[in-house]
Amino acid sequence: MAGNTGGTCEAVRRKRLRYHIAKRANLEVETILNHFWNRHGHELTSEELDDLERLLKLEDLDLLDMFYSRKSLSDRRLAVLLTKIINAWKEKRK
């Protein structure tokens, strides 16, 4: 039973992140994040989930500015994740 705890915690964490993505104040930010999550959420590593949690703490308008390259991130790991999100969105639009 103890071996299953890690998987259960990971599943709960993913559900919590999914909820926070779906409840953004800005519909455009929610749409972009939802698209990324639906395509890549299942394959994110634990470290990427950490980064996503940190990214989701940012304000929607700041995220929107980052999505459209009006602002940048100084945190390298968050910038890498942001690039993945943007690339997933661009692929959708092709």
PDB file of N, CA and C in Angstrom:
ATOM      1  N   MET A   1       0.812  -1.192   0.000  1.00  0.00           N
ATOM      2  CA  MET A   1       0.000   0.000   0.000  1.00  0.00           C
ATOM      3  C   MET A   1       0.861   1.264   0.000  1.00  0.00           C
ATOM      4  N   ALA A   2       1.981   1.226   0.688  1.00  0.00           N
ATOM      5  CA  ALA A   2       2.852   2.403   0.733  1.00  0.00           C
ATOM      6  C   ALA A   2       3.401   2.741  -0.643  1.00  0.00           C
ATOM      7  N   GLY A   3       3.587   1.739  -1.503  1.00  0.00           N
ATOM      8  CA  GLY A   3       4.110   1.987  -2.834  1.00  0.00           C
ATOM      9  C   GLY A   3       3.156   2.775  -3.707  1.00  0.00           C
ATOM     10  N   ASN A   4       1.888   2.740  -3.392  1.00  0.00           N
ATOM     11  CA  ASN A   4       0.877   3.432  -4.185  1.00  0.00           C
ATOM     12  C   ASN A   4       0.727   4.893  -3.790  1.00  0.00           C
ATOM     13  N   THR A   5       1.254   5.270  -2.657  1.00  0.00           N
ATOM     14  CA  THR A   5       1.093   6.628  -2.153  1.00  0.00           C
ATOM     15  C   THR A   5       1.665   7.667  -3.100  1.00  0.00           C
ATOM     16  N   GLY A   6       2.843   7.423  -3.647  1.00  0.00           N
ATOM     17  CA  GLY A   6       3.467   8.373  -4.564  1.00  0.00           C
ATOM     18  C   GLY A   6       2.607   8.619  -5.791  1.00  0.00           C
ATOM     19  N   GLY A   7       2.061   7.542  -6.361  1.00  0.00           N
ATOM     20  CA  GLY A   7       1.201   7.670  -7.533  1.00  0.00           C
ATOM     21  C   GLY A   7      -0.082   8.414  -7.213  1.00  0.00           C
ATOM     22  N   THR A   8      -0.632   8.171  -6.045  1.00  0.00           N
ATOM     23  CA  THR A   8      -1.854   8.848  -5.628  1.00  0.00           C
ATOM     24  C   THR A   8      -1.600  10.338  -5.436  1.00  0.00           C
ATOM     25  N   CYS A   9      -0.493  10.668  -4.782  1.00  0.00           N
ATOM     26  CA  CYS A   9      -0.144  12.078  -4.577  1.00  0.00           C
ATOM     27  C   CYS A   9       0.060  12.779  -5.915  1.00  0.00           C
ATOM     28  N   GLU A  10       0.708  12.097  -6.849  1.00  0.00           N
ATOM     29  CA  GLU A  10       0.954  12.664  -8.175  1.00  0.00           C
ATOM     30  C   GLU A  10      -0.372  12.898  -8.900  1.00  0.00           C
ATOM     31  N   ALA A  11      -1.301  11.970  -8.777  1.00  0.00           N
ATOM     32  CA  ALA A  11      -2.607  12.117  -9.428  1.00  0.00           C
ATOM     33  C   ALA A  11      -3.372  13.298  -8.833  1.00  0.00           C
ATOM     34  N   VAL A  12      -3.324  13.435  -7.531  1.00  0.00           N
ATOM     35  CA  VAL A  12      -3.996  14.556  -6.859  1.00  0.00           C
ATOM     36  C   VAL A  12      -3.359  15.873  -7.281  1.00  0.00           C
ATOM     37  N   ARG A  13      -2.049  15.884  -7.370  1.00  0.00           N
ATOM     38  CA  ARG A  13      -1.324  17.090  -7.789  1.00  0.00           C
ATOM     39  C   ARG A  13      -1.727  17.493  -9.205  1.00  0.00           C
ATOM     40  N   ARG A  14      -1.807  16.522 -10.097  1.00  0.00           N
ATOM     41  CA  ARG A  14      -2.201  16.804 -11.476  1.00  0.00           C
ATOM     42  C   ARG A  14      -3.641  17.317 -11.543  1.00  0.00           C
ATOM     43  N   LYS A  15      -4.518  16.756 -10.745  1.00  0.00           N
ATOM     44  CA  LYS A  15      -5.910  17.237 -10.714  1.00  0.00           C
ATOM     45  C   LYS A  15      -5.979  18.671 -10.202  1.00  0.00           C
ATOM     46  N   ARG A  16      -5.177  18.970  -9.189  1.00  0.00           N
ATOM     47  CA  ARG A  16      -5.158  20.325  -8.634  1.00  0.00           C
ATOM     48  C   ARG A  16      -4.647  21.325  -9.672  1.00  0.00           C
ATOM     49  N   LEU A  17      -3.585  20.961 -10.372  1.00  0.00           N
ATOM     50  CA  LEU A  17      -3.056  21.834 -11.417  1.00  0.00           C
ATOM     51  C   LEU A  17      -4.086  22.025 -12.525  1.00  0.00           C
ATOM     52  N   ARG A  18      -4.742  20.948 -12.915  1.00  0.00           N
ATOM     53  CA  ARG A  18      -5.772  21.026 -13.962  1.00  0.00           C
ATOM     54  C   ARG A  18      -6.881  21.991 -13.535  1.00  0.00           C
ATOM     55  N   TYR A  19      -7.266  21.922 -12.276  1.00  0.00           N
ATOM     56  CA  TYR A  19      -8.295  22.818 -11.754  1.00  0.00           C
ATOM     57  C   TYR A  19      -7.839  24.274 -11.839  1.00  0.00           C
ATOM     58  N   HIS A  20      -6.598  24.543 -11.432  1.00  0.00           N
ATOM     59  CA  HIS A  20      -6.083  25.922 -11.444  1.00  0.00           C
ATOM     60  C   HIS A  20      -5.946  26.465 -12.868  1.00  0.00           C
ATOM     61  N   ILE A  21      -5.671  25.593 -13.807  1.00  0.00           N
ATOM     62  CA  ILE A  21      -5.619  26.011 -15.208  1.00  0.00           C
ATOM     63  C   ILE A  21      -7.017  26.376 -15.699  1.00  0.00           C
ATOM     64  N   ALA A  22      -7.996  25.581 -15.325  1.00  0.00           N
ATOM     65  CA  ALA A  22      -9.367  25.778 -15.807  1.00  0.00           C
ATOM     66  C   ALA A  22     -10.076  26.956 -15.154  1.00  0.00           C
ATOM     67  N   LYS A  23      -9.526  27.486 -14.099  1.00  0.00           N
ATOM     68  CA  LYS A  23     -10.202  28.558 -13.355  1.00  0.00           C
ATOM     69  C   LYS A  23      -9.470  29.893 -13.450  1.00  0.00           C
ATOM     70  N   ARG A  24      -8.821  30.150 -14.575  1.00  0.00           N
ATOM     71  CA  ARG A  24      -8.129  31.422 -14.754  1.00  0.00           C
ATOM     72  C   ARG A  24      -9.154  32.530 -14.971  1.00  0.00           C
ATOM     73  N   ALA A  25      -8.812  33.733 -14.567  1.00  0.00           N
ATOM     74  CA  ALA A  25      -9.713  34.876 -14.710  1.00  0.00           C
ATOM     75  C   ALA A  25      -9.809  35.335 -16.161  1.00  0.00           C
ATOM     76  N   ASN A  26      -8.745  35.138 -16.924  1.00  0.00           N
ATOM     77  CA  ASN A  26      -8.707  35.579 -18.312  1.00  0.00           C
ATOM     78  C   ASN A  26      -8.943  34.376 -19.214  1.00  0.00           C
ATOM     79  N   LEU A  27      -9.978  34.444 -20.052  1.00  0.00           N
ATOM     80  CA  LEU A  27     -10.352  33.313 -20.900  1.00  0.00           C
ATOM     81  C   LEU A  27      -9.245  32.943 -21.882  1.00  0.00           C
ATOM     82  N   GLU A  28      -8.551  33.924 -22.411  1.00  0.00           N
ATOM     83  CA  GLU A  28      -7.486  33.632 -23.371  1.00  0.00           C
ATOM     84  C   GLU A  28      -6.343  32.869 -22.700  1.00  0.00           C
ATOM     85  N   VAL A  29      -5.963  33.280 -21.513  1.00  0.00           N
ATOM     86  CA  VAL A  29      -4.921  32.573 -20.765  1.00  0.00           C
ATOM     87  C   VAL A  29      -5.392  31.155 -20.454  1.00  0.00           C
ATOM     88  N   GLU A  30      -6.626  31.027 -20.025  1.00  0.00           N
ATOM     89  CA  GLU A  30      -7.188  29.711 -19.720  1.00  0.00           C
ATOM     90  C   GLU A  30      -7.166  28.810 -20.953  1.00  0.00           C
ATOM     91  N   THR A  31      -7.529  29.354 -22.097  1.00  0.00           N
ATOM     92  CA  THR A  31      -7.571  28.579 -23.335  1.00  0.00           C
ATOM     93  C   THR A  31      -6.183  28.077 -23.729  1.00  0.00           C
ATOM     94  N   ILE A  32      -5.200  28.948 -23.662  1.00  0.00           N
ATOM     95  CA  ILE A  32      -3.824  28.577 -24.027  1.00  0.00           C
ATOM     96  C   ILE A  32      -3.289  27.517 -23.065  1.00  0.00           C
ATOM     97  N   LEU A  33      -3.506  27.733 -21.766  1.00  0.00           N
ATOM     98  CA  LEU A  33      -3.026  26.768 -20.776  1.00  0.00           C
ATOM     99  C   LEU A  33      -3.767  25.440 -20.889  1.00  0.00           C
ATOM    100  N   ASN A  34      -5.073  25.479 -21.132  1.00  0.00           N
ATOM    101  CA  ASN A  34      -5.851  24.249 -21.314  1.00  0.00           C
ATOM    102  C   ASN A  34      -5.335  23.442 -22.484  1.00  0.00           C
ATOM    103  N   HIS A  35      -5.058  24.121 -23.582  1.00  0.00           N
ATOM    104  CA  HIS A  35      -4.554  23.421 -24.756  1.00  0.00           C
ATOM    105  C   HIS A  35      -3.238  22.712 -24.427  1.00  0.00           C
ATOM    106  N   PHE A  36      -2.329  23.426 -23.773  1.00  0.00           N
ATOM    107  CA  PHE A  36      -1.057  22.824 -23.387  1.00  0.00           C
ATOM    108  C   PHE A  36      -1.282  21.632 -22.464  1.00  0.00           C
ATOM    109  N   TRP A  37      -2.121  21.811 -21.457  1.00  0.00           N
ATOM    110  CA  TRP A  37      -2.358  20.739 -20.485  1.00  0.00           C
ATOM    111  C   TRP A  37      -2.957  19.511 -21.166  1.00  0.00           C
ATOM    112  N   ASN A  38      -3.925  19.712 -22.040  1.00  0.00           N
ATOM    113  CA  ASN A  38      -4.576  18.582 -22.714  1.00  0.00           C
ATOM    114  C   ASN A  38      -3.610  17.819 -23.611  1.00  0.00           C
ATOM    115  N   ARG A  39      -2.660  18.513 -24.196  1.00  0.00           N
ATOM    116  CA  ARG A  39      -1.693  17.854 -25.087  1.00  0.00           C
ATOM    117  C   ARG A  39      -0.493  17.287 -24.339  1.00  0.00           C
ATOM    118  N   HIS A  40      -0.027  17.951 -23.288  1.00  0.00           N
ATOM    119  CA  HIS A  40       1.238  17.582 -22.671  1.00  0.00           C
ATOM    120  C   HIS A  40       1.189  17.353 -21.162  1.00  0.00           C
ATOM    121  N   GLY A  41       0.065  17.614 -20.532  1.00  0.00           N
ATOM    122  CA  GLY A  41      -0.016  17.493 -19.071  1.00  0.00           C
ATOM    123  C   GLY A  41       0.351  16.125 -18.550  1.00  0.00           C
ATOM    124  N   HIS A  42      -0.019  15.075 -19.276  1.00  0.00           N
ATOM    125  CA  HIS A  42       0.248  13.708 -18.827  1.00  0.00           C
ATOM    126  C   HIS A  42       1.730  13.343 -18.880  1.00  0.00           C
ATOM    127  N   GLU A  43       2.514  14.090 -19.653  1.00  0.00           N
ATOM    128  CA  GLU A  43       3.919  13.736 -19.819  1.00  0.00           C
ATOM    129  C   GLU A  43       4.886  14.650 -19.055  1.00  0.00           C
ATOM    130  N   LEU A  44       4.353  15.602 -18.313  1.00  0.00           N
ATOM    131  CA  LEU A  44       5.213  16.521 -17.566  1.00  0.00           C
ATOM    132  C   LEU A  44       5.913  15.796 -16.422  1.00  0.00           C
ATOM    133  N   THR A  45       7.186  16.099 -16.264  1.00  0.00           N
ATOM    134  CA  THR A  45       7.957  15.520 -15.159  1.00  0.00           C
ATOM    135  C   THR A  45       7.578  16.214 -13.855  1.00  0.00           C
ATOM    136  N   SER A  46       8.042  15.668 -12.764  1.00  0.00           N
ATOM    137  CA  SER A  46       7.789  16.272 -11.459  1.00  0.00           C
ATOM    138  C   SER A  46       8.357  17.691 -11.397  1.00  0.00           C
ATOM    139  N   GLU A  47       9.535  17.893 -11.967  1.00  0.00           N
ATOM    140  CA  GLU A  47      10.151  19.224 -11.979  1.00  0.00           C
ATOM    141  C   GLU A  47       9.330  20.200 -12.830  1.00  0.00           C
ATOM    142  N   GLU A  48       8.812  19.713 -13.957  1.00  0.00           N
ATOM    143  CA  GLU A  48       7.981  20.569 -14.804  1.00  0.00           C
ATOM    144  C   GLU A  48       6.656  20.910 -14.111  1.00  0.00           C
ATOM    145  N   LEU A  49       6.139  19.967 -13.337  1.00  0.00           N
ATOM    146  CA  LEU A  49       4.932  20.262 -12.560  1.00  0.00           C
ATOM    147  C   LEU A  49       5.226  21.332 -11.519  1.00  0.00           C
ATOM    148  N   ASP A  50       6.414  21.255 -10.891  1.00  0.00           N
ATOM    149  CA  ASP A  50       6.829  22.307  -9.953  1.00  0.00           C
ATOM    150  C   ASP A  50       6.840  23.667 -10.651  1.00  0.00           C
ATOM    151  N   ASP A  51       7.436  23.677 -11.844  1.00  0.00           N
ATOM    152  CA  ASP A  51       7.522  24.924 -12.606  1.00  0.00           C
ATOM    153  C   ASP A  51       6.139  25.430 -12.995  1.00  0.00           C
ATOM    154  N   LEU A  52       5.267  24.520 -13.378  1.00  0.00           N
ATOM    155  CA  LEU A  52       3.909  24.918 -13.748  1.00  0.00           C
ATOM    156  C   LEU A  52       3.174  25.515 -12.549  1.00  0.00           C
ATOM    157  N   GLU A  53       3.357  24.929 -11.380  1.00  0.00           N
ATOM    158  CA  GLU A  53       2.749  25.489 -10.177  1.00  0.00           C
ATOM    159  C   GLU A  53       3.223  26.918  -9.944  1.00  0.00           C
ATOM    160  N   ARG A  54       4.508  27.139 -10.134  1.00  0.00           N
ATOM    161  CA  ARG A  54       5.063  28.491  -9.954  1.00  0.00           C
ATOM    162  C   ARG A  54       4.539  29.443 -11.027  1.00  0.00           C
ATOM    163  N   LEU A  55       4.448  28.957 -12.251  1.00  0.00           N
ATOM    164  CA  LEU A  55       3.955  29.782 -13.351  1.00  0.00           C
ATOM    165  C   LEU A  55       2.496  30.185 -13.124  1.00  0.00           C
ATOM    166  N   LEU A  56       1.707  29.272 -12.593  1.00  0.00           N
ATOM    167  CA  LEU A  56       0.289  29.549 -12.360  1.00  0.00           C
ATOM    168  C   LEU A  56       0.057  30.560 -11.238  1.00  0.00           C
ATOM    169  N   LYS A  57       1.075  30.852 -10.465  1.00  0.00           N
ATOM    170  CA  LYS A  57       0.961  31.867  -9.415  1.00  0.00           C
ATOM    171  C   LYS A  57       1.063  33.280  -9.987  1.00  0.00           C
ATOM    172  N   LEU A  58       1.503  33.391 -11.235  1.00  0.00           N
ATOM    173  CA  LEU A  58       1.608  34.702 -11.880  1.00  0.00           C
ATOM    174  C   LEU A  58       0.227  35.215 -12.268  1.00  0.00           C
ATOM    175  N   GLU A  59       0.119  36.509 -12.360  1.00  0.00           N
ATOM    176  CA  GLU A  59      -1.139  37.139 -12.754  1.00  0.00           C
ATOM    177  C   GLU A  59      -1.437  36.846 -14.224  1.00  0.00           C
ATOM    178  N   ASP A  60      -2.723  36.748 -14.542  1.00  0.00           N
ATOM    179  CA  ASP A  60      -3.132  36.437 -15.911  1.00  0.00           C
ATOM    180  C   ASP A  60      -2.623  37.453 -16.926  1.00  0.00           C
ATOM    181  N   LEU A  61      -2.670  38.722 -16.600  1.00  0.00           N
ATOM    182  CA  LEU A  61      -2.214  39.732 -17.558  1.00  0.00           C
ATOM    183  C   LEU A  61      -0.717  39.631 -17.799  1.00  0.00           C
ATOM    184  N   ASP A  62       0.046  39.269 -16.774  1.00  0.00           N
ATOM    185  CA  ASP A  62       1.476  39.047 -16.959  1.00  0.00           C
ATOM    186  C   ASP A  62       1.713  37.829 -17.855  1.00  0.00           C
ATOM    187  N   LEU A  63       0.959  36.761 -17.619  1.00  0.00           N
ATOM    188  CA  LEU A  63       1.080  35.570 -18.458  1.00  0.00           C
ATOM    189  C   LEU A  63       0.737  35.894 -19.909  1.00  0.00           C
ATOM    190  N   LEU A  64      -0.330  36.646 -20.104  1.00  0.00           N
ATOM    191  CA  LEU A  64      -0.728  37.019 -21.455  1.00  0.00           C
ATOM    192  C   LEU A  64       0.378  37.811 -22.143  1.00  0.00           C
ATOM    193  N   ASP A  65       0.973  38.744 -21.427  1.00  0.00           N
ATOM    194  CA  ASP A  65       2.094  39.503 -21.990  1.00  0.00           C
ATOM    195  C   ASP A  65       3.263  38.585 -22.338  1.00  0.00           C
ATOM    196  N   MET A  66       3.490  37.576 -21.543  1.00  0.00           N
ATOM    197  CA  MET A  66       4.566  36.634 -21.827  1.00  0.00           C
ATOM    198  C   MET A  66       4.230  35.753 -23.029  1.00  0.00           C
ATOM    199  N   PHE A  67       2.975  35.340 -23.133  1.00  0.00           N
ATOM    200  CA  PHE A  67       2.559  34.534 -24.276  1.00  0.00           C
ATOM    201  C   PHE A  67       2.790  35.280 -25.585  1.00  0.00           C
ATOM    202  N   TYR A  68       2.611  36.596 -25.562  1.00  0.00           N
ATOM    203  CA  TYR A  68       2.757  37.412 -26.768  1.00  0.00           C
ATOM    204  C   TYR A  68       4.092  38.160 -26.811  1.00  0.00           C
ATOM    205  N   SER A  69       5.042  37.690 -26.026  1.00  0.00           N
ATOM    206  CA  SER A  69       6.423  38.215 -26.020  1.00  0.00           C
ATOM    207  C   SER A  69       6.527  39.693 -25.698  1.00  0.00           C
ATOM    208  N   ARG A  70       5.591  40.204 -24.927  1.00  0.00           N
ATOM    209  CA  ARG A  70       5.679  41.593 -24.476  1.00  0.00           C
ATOM    210  C   ARG A  70       6.438  41.696 -23.161  1.00  0.00           C
ATOM    211  N   LYS A  71       6.590  40.555 -22.488  1.00  0.00           N
ATOM    212  CA  LYS A  71       7.366  40.444 -21.256  1.00  0.00           C
ATOM    213  C   LYS A  71       8.155  39.149 -21.326  1.00  0.00           C
ATOM    214  N   SER A  72       9.218  39.094 -20.545  1.00  0.00           N
ATOM    215  CA  SER A  72       9.997  37.856 -20.491  1.00  0.00           C
ATOM    216  C   SER A  72      10.183  37.433 -19.039  1.00  0.00           C
ATOM    217  N   LEU A  73      10.646  36.223 -18.888  1.00  0.00           N
ATOM    218  CA  LEU A  73      10.910  35.671 -17.564  1.00  0.00           C
ATOM    219  C   LEU A  73      12.415  35.601 -17.341  1.00  0.00           C
ATOM    220  N   SER A  74      12.860  35.988 -16.172  1.00  0.00           N
ATOM    221  CA  SER A  74      14.282  35.872 -15.853  1.00  0.00           C
ATOM    222  C   SER A  74      14.616  34.474 -15.330  1.00  0.00           C
ATOM    223  N   ASP A  75      13.621  33.772 -14.815  1.00  0.00           N
ATOM    224  CA  ASP A  75      13.820  32.412 -14.309  1.00  0.00           C
ATOM    225  C   ASP A  75      13.922  31.456 -15.495  1.00  0.00           C
ATOM    226  N   ARG A  76      15.088  30.861 -15.673  1.00  0.00           N
ATOM    227  CA  ARG A  76      15.359  30.017 -16.845  1.00  0.00           C
ATOM    228  C   ARG A  76      14.404  28.834 -16.942  1.00  0.00           C
ATOM    229  N   ARG A  77      14.156  28.143 -15.838  1.00  0.00           N
ATOM    230  CA  ARG A  77      13.279  26.966 -15.876  1.00  0.00           C
ATOM    231  C   ARG A  77      11.854  27.356 -16.257  1.00  0.00           C
ATOM    232  N   LEU A  78      11.362  28.457 -15.711  1.00  0.00           N
ATOM    233  CA  LEU A  78      10.021  28.907 -16.080  1.00  0.00           C
ATOM    234  C   LEU A  78       9.971  29.347 -17.536  1.00  0.00           C
ATOM    235  N   ALA A  79      11.049  29.947 -17.993  1.00  0.00           N
ATOM    236  CA  ALA A  79      11.110  30.382 -19.392  1.00  0.00           C
ATOM    237  C   ALA A  79      11.057  29.186 -20.338  1.00  0.00           C
ATOM    238  N   VAL A  80      11.702  28.094 -19.975  1.00  0.00           N
ATOM    239  CA  VAL A  80      11.666  26.878 -20.793  1.00  0.00           C
ATOM    240  C   VAL A  80      10.241  26.335 -20.861  1.00  0.00           C
ATOM    241  N   LEU A  81       9.565  26.273 -19.725  1.00  0.00           N
ATOM    242  CA  LEU A  81       8.184  25.800 -19.703  1.00  0.00           C
ATOM    243  C   LEU A  81       7.282  26.736 -20.491  1.00  0.00           C
ATOM    244  N   LEU A  82       7.471  28.012 -20.338  1.00  0.00           N
ATOM    245  CA  LEU A  82       6.676  28.993 -21.079  1.00  0.00           C
ATOM    246  C   LEU A  82       6.852  28.798 -22.586  1.00  0.00           C
ATOM    247  N   THR A  83       8.069  28.530 -23.008  1.00  0.00           N
ATOM    248  CA  THR A  83       8.327  28.275 -24.424  1.00  0.00           C
ATOM    249  C   THR A  83       7.572  27.036 -24.898  1.00  0.00           C
ATOM    250  N   LYS A  84       7.525  25.994 -24.086  1.00  0.00           N
ATOM    251  CA  LYS A  84       6.763  24.786 -24.433  1.00  0.00           C
ATOM    252  C   LYS A  84       5.276  25.111 -24.586  1.00  0.00           C
ATOM    253  N   ILE A  85       4.760  25.928 -23.687  1.00  0.00           N
ATOM    254  CA  ILE A  85       3.347  26.307 -23.740  1.00  0.00           C
ATOM    255  C   ILE A  85       3.069  27.095 -25.014  1.00  0.00           C
ATOM    256  N   ILE A  86       3.924  28.048 -25.308  1.00  0.00           N
ATOM    257  CA  ILE A  86       3.762  28.884 -26.506  1.00  0.00           C
ATOM    258  C   ILE A  86       3.873  28.032 -27.765  1.00  0.00           C
ATOM    259  N   ASN A  87       4.842  27.136 -27.817  1.00  0.00           N
ATOM    260  CA  ASN A  87       5.009  26.285 -28.995  1.00  0.00           C
ATOM    261  C   ASN A  87       3.810  25.366 -29.208  1.00  0.00           C
ATOM    262  N   ALA A  88       3.251  24.835 -28.120  1.00  0.00           N
ATOM    263  CA  ALA A  88       2.065  23.997 -28.239  1.00  0.00           C
ATOM    264  C   ALA A  88       0.906  24.801 -28.819  1.00  0.00           C
ATOM    265  N   TRP A  89       0.782  26.049 -28.396  1.00  0.00           N
ATOM    266  CA  TRP A  89      -0.284  26.918 -28.898  1.00  0.00           C
ATOM    267  C   TRP A  89      -0.068  27.239 -30.376  1.00  0.00           C
ATOM    268  N   LYS A  90       1.162  27.520 -30.747  1.00  0.00           N
ATOM    269  CA  LYS A  90       1.472  27.814 -32.150  1.00  0.00           C
ATOM    270  C   LYS A  90       1.194  26.613 -33.044  1.00  0.00           C
ATOM    271  N   GLU A  91       1.510  25.400 -32.567  1.00  0.00           N
ATOM    272  CA  GLU A  91       1.239  24.181 -33.332  1.00  0.00           C
ATOM    273  C   GLU A  91      -0.250  24.023 -33.593  1.00  0.00           C
ATOM    274  N   LYS A  92      -1.055  24.389 -32.614  1.00  0.00           N
ATOM    275  CA  LYS A  92      -2.511  24.286 -32.749  1.00  0.00           C
ATOM    276  C   LYS A  92      -3.003  25.209 -33.859  1.00  0.00           C
ATOM    277  N   ARG A  93      -2.411  26.350 -33.959  1.00  0.00           N
ATOM    278  CA  ARG A  93      -2.875  27.376 -34.890  1.00  0.00           C
ATOM    279  C   ARG A  93      -2.449  27.097 -36.329  1.00  0.00           C
ATOM    280  N   LYS A  94      -1.566  26.132 -36.553  1.00  0.00           N
ATOM    281  CA  LYS A  94      -1.095  25.824 -37.914  1.00  0.00           C
ATOM    282  C   LYS A  94      -2.146  25.085 -38.708  1.00  0.00           C
TER     283      LYS A  94
END
